[in-house]
Amino acid sequence: MCFNRCELEDIMLEMDRILRPEGAVIIRDDVDVLLKVKNIANGLEWDSSIVDHEDGPLEREKLLFVVKKYWTAPASSAPSHRRRKTN
């Protein structure tokens, strides 16, 4: 057992902090690991896709391409102030 091992979520959060908007990461690993990483990447609002190994689709090792999106907060939906009628 590895007691001093970092959690995958912690690593992904640190990558999100460091990576610039529209920055990309390529991860090569077993498909099961990549599915976990893809799930976290989707939660971080990154674009992600898994592609087959260059030796074909039967290989368990795959590639995951992720791109951090450039996003801004939506416009505030604060109510507009109404003018009072003056007589």
C-alpha atoms as a PDB file:
ATOM      1  CA  MET A   1       0.000   0.000   0.000  1.00  0.00           C
ATOM      2  CA  CYS A   2       1.107   3.533  -0.701  1.00  0.00           C
ATOM      3  CA  PHE A   3       0.331   5.740   2.273  1.00  0.00           C
ATOM      4  CA  ASN A   4       1.928   8.906   0.895  1.00  0.00           C
ATOM      5  CA  ARG A   5       0.255   8.690  -2.489  1.00  0.00           C
ATOM      6  CA  CYS A   6      -1.581  11.757  -3.855  1.00  0.00           C
ATOM      7  CA  GLU A   7      -5.236  11.404  -4.727  1.00  0.00           C
ATOM      8  CA  LEU A   8      -6.171  11.753  -8.388  1.00  0.00           C
ATOM      9  CA  GLU A   9      -8.640  14.544  -7.600  1.00  0.00           C
ATOM     10  CA  ASP A  10      -5.915  16.554  -5.847  1.00  0.00           C
ATOM     11  CA  ILE A  11      -3.569  16.186  -8.820  1.00  0.00           C
ATOM     12  CA  MET A  12      -6.287  17.257 -11.255  1.00  0.00           C
ATOM     13  CA  LEU A  13      -7.186  20.298  -9.139  1.00  0.00           C
ATOM     14  CA  GLU A  14      -3.544  21.347  -9.084  1.00  0.00           C
ATOM     15  CA  MET A  15      -3.339  20.880 -12.857  1.00  0.00           C
ATOM     16  CA  ASP A  16      -6.439  23.073 -13.221  1.00  0.00           C
ATOM     17  CA  ARG A  17      -4.789  25.764 -11.100  1.00  0.00           C
ATOM     18  CA  ILE A  18      -1.542  25.690 -13.099  1.00  0.00           C
ATOM     19  CA  LEU A  19      -2.900  25.163 -16.615  1.00  0.00           C
ATOM     20  CA  ARG A  20      -3.769  28.298 -18.566  1.00  0.00           C
ATOM     21  CA  PRO A  21      -7.141  28.597 -20.281  1.00  0.00           C
ATOM     22  CA  GLU A  22      -7.099  26.714 -23.584  1.00  0.00           C
ATOM     23  CA  GLY A  23      -4.004  24.843 -22.396  1.00  0.00           C
ATOM     24  CA  ALA A  24      -3.819  21.138 -23.234  1.00  0.00           C
ATOM     25  CA  VAL A  25      -2.684  17.953 -21.519  1.00  0.00           C
ATOM     26  CA  ILE A  26      -2.057  14.540 -23.056  1.00  0.00           C
ATOM     27  CA  ILE A  27      -2.225  11.541 -20.718  1.00  0.00           C
ATOM     28  CA  ARG A  28      -1.272   8.018 -21.770  1.00  0.00           C
ATOM     29  CA  ASP A  29      -2.384   5.166 -19.494  1.00  0.00           C
ATOM     30  CA  ASP A  30      -4.673   2.173 -19.068  1.00  0.00           C
ATOM     31  CA  VAL A  31      -8.239   2.818 -20.216  1.00  0.00           C
ATOM     32  CA  ASP A  32      -9.627   2.340 -16.671  1.00  0.00           C
ATOM     33  CA  VAL A  33      -7.368   5.064 -15.283  1.00  0.00           C
ATOM     34  CA  LEU A  34      -8.192   7.361 -18.199  1.00  0.00           C
ATOM     35  CA  LEU A  35     -11.926   6.946 -17.617  1.00  0.00           C
ATOM     36  CA  LYS A  36     -11.467   8.158 -14.030  1.00  0.00           C
ATOM     37  CA  VAL A  37      -9.360  11.104 -15.197  1.00  0.00           C
ATOM     38  CA  LYS A  38     -11.893  11.932 -17.934  1.00  0.00           C
ATOM     39  CA  ASN A  39     -14.710  11.958 -15.382  1.00  0.00           C
ATOM     40  CA  ILE A  40     -12.805  14.464 -13.219  1.00  0.00           C
ATOM     41  CA  ALA A  41     -11.829  16.522 -16.283  1.00  0.00           C
ATOM     42  CA  ASN A  42     -15.471  16.759 -17.316  1.00  0.00           C
ATOM     43  CA  GLY A  43     -16.310  17.942 -13.792  1.00  0.00           C
ATOM     44  CA  LEU A  44     -13.707  20.681 -14.181  1.00  0.00           C
ATOM     45  CA  GLU A  45     -15.456  21.737 -17.420  1.00  0.00           C
ATOM     46  CA  TRP A  46     -12.509  20.665 -19.581  1.00  0.00           C
ATOM     47  CA  ASP A  47     -13.025  19.335 -23.098  1.00  0.00           C
ATOM     48  CA  SER A  48     -11.756  15.761 -23.216  1.00  0.00           C
ATOM     49  CA  SER A  49     -11.589  12.780 -25.537  1.00  0.00           C
ATOM     50  CA  ILE A  50     -10.043   9.325 -25.382  1.00  0.00           C
ATOM     51  CA  VAL A  51      -8.404   7.962 -28.527  1.00  0.00           C
ATOM     52  CA  ASP A  52      -7.001   4.553 -29.364  1.00  0.00           C
ATOM     53  CA  HIS A  53      -3.369   3.525 -29.037  1.00  0.00           C
ATOM     54  CA  GLU A  54      -1.332   3.698 -32.235  1.00  0.00           C
ATOM     55  CA  ASP A  55      -1.196  -0.131 -32.248  1.00  0.00           C
ATOM     56  CA  GLY A  56      -4.995  -0.328 -32.567  1.00  0.00           C
ATOM     57  CA  PRO A  57      -8.223  -0.356 -30.575  1.00  0.00           C
ATOM     58  CA  LEU A  58      -7.520  -3.705 -28.898  1.00  0.00           C
ATOM     59  CA  GLU A  59      -4.714  -2.217 -26.789  1.00  0.00           C
ATOM     60  CA  ARG A  60      -5.743  -1.348 -23.212  1.00  0.00           C
ATOM     61  CA  GLU A  61      -3.423   1.630 -23.227  1.00  0.00           C
ATOM     62  CA  LYS A  62      -5.141   4.710 -24.659  1.00  0.00           C
ATOM     63  CA  LEU A  63      -4.532   8.455 -24.939  1.00  0.00           C
ATOM     64  CA  LEU A  64      -6.617  11.128 -23.254  1.00  0.00           C
ATOM     65  CA  PHE A  65      -6.544  14.640 -24.683  1.00  0.00           C
ATOM     66  CA  VAL A  66      -7.907  17.386 -22.440  1.00  0.00           C
ATOM     67  CA  VAL A  67      -8.171  21.131 -23.025  1.00  0.00           C
ATOM     68  CA  LYS A  68      -9.017  23.593 -20.295  1.00  0.00           C
ATOM     69  CA  LYS A  69     -11.832  25.822 -21.516  1.00  0.00           C
ATOM     70  CA  TYR A  70     -11.693  29.575 -21.488  1.00  0.00           C
ATOM     71  CA  TRP A  71     -14.832  30.681 -19.739  1.00  0.00           C
ATOM     72  CA  THR A  72     -16.171  33.715 -17.988  1.00  0.00           C
ATOM     73  CA  ALA A  73     -18.878  34.061 -15.406  1.00  0.00           C
ATOM     74  CA  PRO A  74     -22.346  34.629 -16.839  1.00  0.00           C
ATOM     75  CA  ALA A  75     -23.704  38.150 -16.823  1.00  0.00           C
ATOM     76  CA  SER A  76     -25.296  39.144 -13.556  1.00  0.00           C
ATOM     77  CA  SER A  77     -29.052  38.794 -13.512  1.00  0.00           C
ATOM     78  CA  ALA A  78     -29.533  41.624 -11.003  1.00  0.00           C
ATOM     79  CA  PRO A  79     -32.925  43.287 -11.293  1.00  0.00           C
ATOM     80  CA  SER A  80     -32.947  46.602 -13.067  1.00  0.00           C
ATOM     81  CA  HIS A  81     -33.873  49.655 -11.013  1.00  0.00           C
ATOM     82  CA  ARG A  82     -37.219  51.192 -11.866  1.00  0.00           C
ATOM     83  CA  ARG A  83     -37.611  54.907 -12.002  1.00  0.00           C
ATOM     84  CA  ARG A  84     -40.252  56.415  -9.816  1.00  0.00           C
ATOM     85  CA  LYS A  85     -42.781  58.567 -11.540  1.00  0.00           C
ATOM     86  CA  THR A  86     -42.592  62.195 -10.562  1.00  0.00           C
ATOM     87  CA  ASN A  87     -45.563  64.514 -10.877  1.00  0.00           C
END
